[in-house]
Amino acid sequence: MTTTQLAKRMGVQQPRIIELEKGEVTGNPTVQSLERAAEAMGCRLVYVLVPIKPLTKTIKERASRVAETQLAAVEQTMRLEAQDVTDKTKRKATHRQLANDLLRRPARLWDEP
């Protein structure tokens, strides 16, 4: 379909189609413009965000990161109070438990940066 044909279908002047195409190249088209173009071509615009990796993996990684942040803060306080925990096995278990708790309440995963 030529730009002139698309412009006619959209009810706009042909230079507007050129602007739309240029905007697409630079990443500036509006959703409204894309919807109008899609409709004019007998299409439907689908706007979708696709995860780079599986969502379950993202959530587990986030839970681990947040658990680590929380655990590090508690450990710092304990060191200041001369109550440092040096048992690595206990630390891993505590980390795992914190991460699992976060997974049960996933909304809390996004409270921290």
N, C-alpha and C. Protein backbone atom coordinates (compact mmCIF):
# COMPACT_ATOMS: atom_id res chain seq x y z
N MET A 1 0.86 -1.16 0.00
CA MET A 1 0.00 0.00 0.00
C MET A 1 0.91 1.23 0.00
N THR A 2 0.60 2.17 -0.86
CA THR A 2 1.42 3.38 -0.92
C THR A 2 1.02 4.33 0.20
N THR A 3 1.88 5.32 0.41
CA THR A 3 1.56 6.31 1.44
C THR A 3 0.32 7.11 1.06
N THR A 4 0.14 7.34 -0.23
CA THR A 4 -1.05 8.06 -0.70
C THR A 4 -2.31 7.24 -0.42
N GLN A 5 -2.25 5.95 -0.70
CA GLN A 5 -3.40 5.07 -0.45
C GLN A 5 -3.73 5.00 1.04
N LEU A 6 -2.70 4.88 1.88
CA LEU A 6 -2.94 4.81 3.31
C LEU A 6 -3.50 6.14 3.82
N ALA A 7 -2.97 7.24 3.34
CA ALA A 7 -3.46 8.55 3.75
C ALA A 7 -4.95 8.68 3.42
N LYS A 8 -5.32 8.24 2.26
CA LYS A 8 -6.73 8.31 1.86
C LYS A 8 -7.60 7.48 2.81
N ARG A 9 -7.14 6.28 3.12
CA ARG A 9 -7.90 5.40 4.03
C ARG A 9 -8.01 6.00 5.44
N MET A 10 -6.95 6.70 5.85
CA MET A 10 -6.95 7.29 7.19
C MET A 10 -7.63 8.66 7.23
N GLY A 11 -7.88 9.21 6.07
CA GLY A 11 -8.51 10.53 6.02
C GLY A 11 -7.56 11.65 6.36
N VAL A 12 -6.29 11.47 6.01
CA VAL A 12 -5.28 12.50 6.25
C VAL A 12 -4.52 12.78 4.96
N GLN A 13 -3.68 13.80 4.97
CA GLN A 13 -2.85 14.11 3.81
C GLN A 13 -1.64 13.18 3.79
N GLN A 14 -1.12 12.92 2.63
CA GLN A 14 0.01 12.01 2.44
C GLN A 14 1.23 12.40 3.26
N PRO A 15 1.56 13.69 3.45
CA PRO A 15 2.72 14.04 4.29
C PRO A 15 2.58 13.53 5.73
N ARG A 16 1.37 13.41 6.20
CA ARG A 16 1.14 12.89 7.56
C ARG A 16 1.61 11.44 7.65
N ILE A 17 1.44 10.69 6.60
CA ILE A 17 1.89 9.28 6.57
C ILE A 17 3.41 9.23 6.58
N ILE A 18 4.02 10.15 5.85
CA ILE A 18 5.48 10.23 5.85
C ILE A 18 5.97 10.52 7.27
N GLU A 19 5.29 11.45 7.98
CA GLU A 19 5.65 11.76 9.37
C GLU A 19 5.50 10.53 10.25
N LEU A 20 4.42 9.78 10.03
CA LEU A 20 4.19 8.56 10.81
C LEU A 20 5.33 7.57 10.58
N GLU A 21 5.73 7.39 9.33
CA GLU A 21 6.82 6.47 9.02
C GLU A 21 8.15 6.94 9.64
N LYS A 22 8.41 8.23 9.57
CA LYS A 22 9.64 8.77 10.17
C LYS A 22 9.60 8.58 11.69
N GLY A 23 8.44 8.80 12.27
CA GLY A 23 8.28 8.60 13.71
C GLY A 23 8.53 7.17 14.11
N GLU A 24 8.14 6.26 13.27
CA GLU A 24 8.36 4.84 13.55
C GLU A 24 9.86 4.54 13.58
N VAL A 25 10.60 5.13 12.68
CA VAL A 25 12.05 4.92 12.61
C VAL A 25 12.73 5.48 13.85
N THR A 26 12.30 6.64 14.31
CA THR A 26 12.93 7.28 15.46
C THR A 26 12.32 6.85 16.78
N GLY A 27 11.27 6.04 16.73
CA GLY A 27 10.64 5.54 17.95
C GLY A 27 9.64 6.51 18.56
N ASN A 28 9.07 7.41 17.74
CA ASN A 28 8.17 8.44 18.25
C ASN A 28 6.70 8.30 17.87
N PRO A 29 6.24 7.26 17.24
CA PRO A 29 4.82 7.27 16.85
C PRO A 29 3.94 7.17 18.09
N THR A 30 2.80 7.83 18.03
CA THR A 30 1.87 7.72 19.14
C THR A 30 1.04 6.45 18.97
N VAL A 31 0.54 5.95 20.06
CA VAL A 31 -0.32 4.77 20.00
C VAL A 31 -1.55 5.10 19.16
N GLN A 32 -2.07 6.31 19.33
CA GLN A 32 -3.25 6.72 18.58
C GLN A 32 -2.97 6.69 17.07
N SER A 33 -1.82 7.19 16.65
CA SER A 33 -1.46 7.17 15.22
C SER A 33 -1.34 5.74 14.72
N LEU A 34 -0.72 4.89 15.51
CA LEU A 34 -0.56 3.49 15.10
C LEU A 34 -1.92 2.79 15.02
N GLU A 35 -2.81 3.10 15.96
CA GLU A 35 -4.15 2.51 15.92
C GLU A 35 -4.91 2.94 14.66
N ARG A 36 -4.80 4.22 14.32
CA ARG A 36 -5.48 4.71 13.12
C ARG A 36 -4.91 4.05 11.87
N ALA A 37 -3.59 3.91 11.81
CA ALA A 37 -2.96 3.27 10.65
C ALA A 37 -3.38 1.81 10.57
N ALA A 38 -3.38 1.13 11.70
CA ALA A 38 -3.78 -0.27 11.72
C ALA A 38 -5.22 -0.43 11.25
N GLU A 39 -6.10 0.40 11.75
CA GLU A 39 -7.51 0.34 11.35
C GLU A 39 -7.67 0.58 9.85
N ALA A 40 -6.93 1.55 9.34
CA ALA A 40 -7.01 1.87 7.91
C ALA A 40 -6.53 0.72 7.04
N MET A 41 -5.66 -0.11 7.59
CA MET A 41 -5.14 -1.25 6.82
C MET A 41 -5.87 -2.54 7.16
N GLY A 42 -6.97 -2.42 7.93
CA GLY A 42 -7.73 -3.61 8.29
C GLY A 42 -7.00 -4.47 9.31
N CYS A 43 -6.25 -3.82 10.15
CA CYS A 43 -5.46 -4.54 11.16
C CYS A 43 -5.88 -4.09 12.56
N ARG A 44 -5.33 -4.77 13.52
CA ARG A 44 -5.53 -4.42 14.92
C ARG A 44 -4.16 -4.19 15.52
N LEU A 45 -4.00 -3.09 16.24
CA LEU A 45 -2.73 -2.80 16.91
C LEU A 45 -2.66 -3.62 18.19
N VAL A 46 -1.57 -4.32 18.36
CA VAL A 46 -1.34 -5.08 19.58
C VAL A 46 -0.10 -4.49 20.24
N TYR A 47 -0.29 -3.96 21.43
CA TYR A 47 0.79 -3.32 22.20
C TYR A 47 1.10 -4.27 23.33
N VAL A 48 2.28 -4.85 23.34
CA VAL A 48 2.57 -5.91 24.31
C VAL A 48 3.98 -5.76 24.86
N LEU A 49 4.13 -6.07 26.14
CA LEU A 49 5.45 -6.13 26.78
C LEU A 49 5.77 -7.61 26.95
N VAL A 50 6.88 -8.03 26.42
CA VAL A 50 7.27 -9.44 26.47
C VAL A 50 8.47 -9.58 27.40
N PRO A 51 8.35 -10.38 28.46
CA PRO A 51 9.48 -10.56 29.37
C PRO A 51 10.70 -11.13 28.65
N ILE A 52 11.88 -10.66 29.04
CA ILE A 52 13.12 -11.15 28.45
C ILE A 52 13.40 -12.58 28.90
N LYS A 53 13.05 -12.87 30.15
CA LYS A 53 13.21 -14.22 30.67
C LYS A 53 11.90 -14.63 31.33
N PRO A 54 11.73 -15.91 31.63
CA PRO A 54 10.47 -16.35 32.22
C PRO A 54 10.11 -15.57 33.48
N LEU A 55 8.85 -15.22 33.61
CA LEU A 55 8.39 -14.42 34.74
C LEU A 55 8.69 -15.10 36.07
N THR A 56 8.55 -16.41 36.14
CA THR A 56 8.83 -17.11 37.40
C THR A 56 10.29 -16.93 37.81
N LYS A 57 11.19 -16.94 36.83
CA LYS A 57 12.61 -16.75 37.13
C LYS A 57 12.85 -15.32 37.62
N THR A 58 12.23 -14.35 36.98
CA THR A 58 12.37 -12.95 37.38
C THR A 58 11.90 -12.76 38.82
N ILE A 59 10.76 -13.35 39.16
CA ILE A 59 10.20 -13.20 40.51
C ILE A 59 11.11 -13.86 41.54
N LYS A 60 11.61 -15.06 41.24
CA LYS A 60 12.51 -15.74 42.19
C LYS A 60 13.80 -14.95 42.39
N GLU A 61 14.35 -14.42 41.30
CA GLU A 61 15.57 -13.62 41.41
C GLU A 61 15.33 -12.36 42.23
N ARG A 62 14.18 -11.74 42.02
CA ARG A 62 13.84 -10.53 42.77
C ARG A 62 13.68 -10.87 44.26
N ALA A 63 13.01 -11.97 44.55
CA ALA A 63 12.82 -12.38 45.95
C ALA A 63 14.18 -12.62 46.60
N SER A 64 15.09 -13.24 45.90
CA SER A 64 16.43 -13.49 46.44
C SER A 64 17.17 -12.18 46.69
N ARG A 65 17.06 -11.23 45.75
CA ARG A 65 17.74 -9.95 45.89
C ARG A 65 17.18 -9.15 47.08
N VAL A 66 15.85 -9.12 47.21
CA VAL A 66 15.24 -8.39 48.32
C VAL A 66 15.59 -9.07 49.65
N ALA A 67 15.56 -10.40 49.67
CA ALA A 67 15.93 -11.13 50.89
C ALA A 67 17.37 -10.82 51.27
N GLU A 68 18.25 -10.76 50.30
CA GLU A 68 19.66 -10.44 50.57
C GLU A 68 19.80 -9.04 51.15
N THR A 69 19.08 -8.10 50.61
CA THR A 69 19.11 -6.72 51.12
C THR A 69 18.63 -6.67 52.56
N GLN A 70 17.53 -7.34 52.84
CA GLN A 70 16.99 -7.36 54.20
C GLN A 70 17.94 -8.06 55.17
N LEU A 71 18.49 -9.18 54.74
CA LEU A 71 19.41 -9.94 55.58
C LEU A 71 20.68 -9.14 55.87
N ALA A 72 21.19 -8.46 54.87
CA ALA A 72 22.40 -7.65 55.05
C ALA A 72 22.16 -6.53 56.07
N ALA A 73 20.99 -5.94 56.03
CA ALA A 73 20.66 -4.87 56.99
C ALA A 73 20.62 -5.41 58.42
N VAL A 74 20.01 -6.57 58.58
CA VAL A 74 19.93 -7.19 59.92
C VAL A 74 21.33 -7.58 60.39
N GLU A 75 22.13 -8.15 59.50
CA GLU A 75 23.49 -8.55 59.87
C GLU A 75 24.33 -7.35 60.30
N GLN A 76 24.15 -6.22 59.61
CA GLN A 76 24.90 -5.02 59.98
C GLN A 76 24.53 -4.58 61.40
N THR A 77 23.26 -4.58 61.69
CA THR A 77 22.81 -4.20 63.03
C THR A 77 23.37 -5.17 64.07
N MET A 78 23.34 -6.46 63.75
CA MET A 78 23.86 -7.45 64.70
C MET A 78 25.36 -7.28 64.91
N ARG A 79 26.10 -6.95 63.86
CA ARG A 79 27.55 -6.72 64.01
C ARG A 79 27.80 -5.52 64.93
N LEU A 80 27.01 -4.49 64.75
CA LEU A 80 27.16 -3.30 65.60
C LEU A 80 26.89 -3.62 67.07
N GLU A 81 26.06 -4.61 67.29
CA GLU A 81 25.72 -5.01 68.66
C GLU A 81 26.55 -6.21 69.12
N ALA A 82 27.61 -6.51 68.37
CA ALA A 82 28.50 -7.63 68.68
C ALA A 82 27.75 -8.96 68.76
N GLN A 83 26.79 -9.14 67.85
CA GLN A 83 26.02 -10.39 67.81
C GLN A 83 26.11 -11.00 66.41
N ASP A 84 27.27 -10.88 65.81
CA ASP A 84 27.47 -11.35 64.45
C ASP A 84 27.21 -12.85 64.32
N VAL A 85 26.49 -13.22 63.25
CA VAL A 85 26.23 -14.63 62.94
C VAL A 85 27.19 -15.03 61.83
N THR A 86 28.07 -15.97 62.13
CA THR A 86 29.08 -16.37 61.14
C THR A 86 28.79 -17.72 60.50
N ASP A 87 27.78 -18.42 60.97
CA ASP A 87 27.44 -19.74 60.43
C ASP A 87 26.82 -19.58 59.04
N LYS A 88 27.57 -19.99 58.00
CA LYS A 88 27.11 -19.82 56.62
C LYS A 88 25.87 -20.67 56.31
N THR A 89 25.77 -21.83 56.93
CA THR A 89 24.62 -22.70 56.70
C THR A 89 23.35 -22.03 57.23
N LYS A 90 23.44 -21.44 58.42
CA LYS A 90 22.29 -20.73 58.99
C LYS A 90 21.93 -19.51 58.14
N ARG A 91 22.96 -18.84 57.64
CA ARG A 91 22.70 -17.67 56.82
C ARG A 91 21.95 -18.06 55.55
N LYS A 92 22.39 -19.14 54.89
CA LYS A 92 21.72 -19.60 53.67
C LYS A 92 20.27 -19.98 53.96
N ALA A 93 20.05 -20.66 55.07
CA ALA A 93 18.70 -21.07 55.44
C ALA A 93 17.82 -19.85 55.71
N THR A 94 18.38 -18.87 56.38
CA THR A 94 17.63 -17.65 56.67
C THR A 94 17.31 -16.91 55.37
N HIS A 95 18.28 -16.83 54.49
CA HIS A 95 18.08 -16.19 53.18
C HIS A 95 16.97 -16.89 52.43
N ARG A 96 17.02 -18.22 52.38
CA ARG A 96 16.01 -19.01 51.68
C ARG A 96 14.62 -18.77 52.27
N GLN A 97 14.55 -18.73 53.61
CA GLN A 97 13.27 -18.51 54.29
C GLN A 97 12.71 -17.12 53.97
N LEU A 98 13.57 -16.11 54.01
CA LEU A 98 13.14 -14.76 53.67
C LEU A 98 12.62 -14.70 52.23
N ALA A 99 13.35 -15.30 51.31
CA ALA A 99 12.94 -15.31 49.90
C ALA A 99 11.59 -16.02 49.74
N ASN A 100 11.43 -17.15 50.41
CA ASN A 100 10.16 -17.89 50.33
C ASN A 100 9.01 -17.09 50.91
N ASP A 101 9.26 -16.37 52.01
CA ASP A 101 8.22 -15.51 52.59
C ASP A 101 7.80 -14.43 51.59
N LEU A 102 8.79 -13.86 50.92
CA LEU A 102 8.49 -12.83 49.92
C LEU A 102 7.69 -13.40 48.75
N LEU A 103 7.99 -14.63 48.36
CA LEU A 103 7.27 -15.27 47.25
C LEU A 103 5.80 -15.52 47.61
N ARG A 104 5.52 -15.72 48.89
CA ARG A 104 4.14 -15.93 49.31
C ARG A 104 3.34 -14.62 49.29
N ARG A 105 4.05 -13.50 49.34
CA ARG A 105 3.41 -12.17 49.28
C ARG A 105 4.14 -11.36 48.21
N PRO A 106 3.97 -11.71 46.94
CA PRO A 106 4.79 -11.13 45.87
C PRO A 106 4.65 -9.62 45.71
N ALA A 107 3.57 -9.02 46.17
CA ALA A 107 3.45 -7.57 46.05
C ALA A 107 4.57 -6.86 46.80
N ARG A 108 5.08 -7.48 47.85
CA ARG A 108 6.17 -6.89 48.65
C ARG A 108 7.51 -6.89 47.89
N LEU A 109 7.61 -7.66 46.84
CA LEU A 109 8.87 -7.75 46.10
C LEU A 109 9.28 -6.43 45.47
N TRP A 110 8.35 -5.59 45.20
CA TRP A 110 8.64 -4.37 44.43
C TRP A 110 8.66 -3.13 45.30
N ASP A 111 8.63 -3.29 46.65
CA ASP A 111 8.67 -2.14 47.55
C ASP A 111 10.04 -1.49 47.58
N GLU A 112 11.07 -2.27 47.40
CA GLU A 112 12.45 -1.76 47.49
C GLU A 112 13.04 -1.64 46.10
N PRO A 113 14.03 -0.74 45.97
CA PRO A 113 14.66 -0.57 44.64
C PRO A 113 15.43 -1.78 44.19
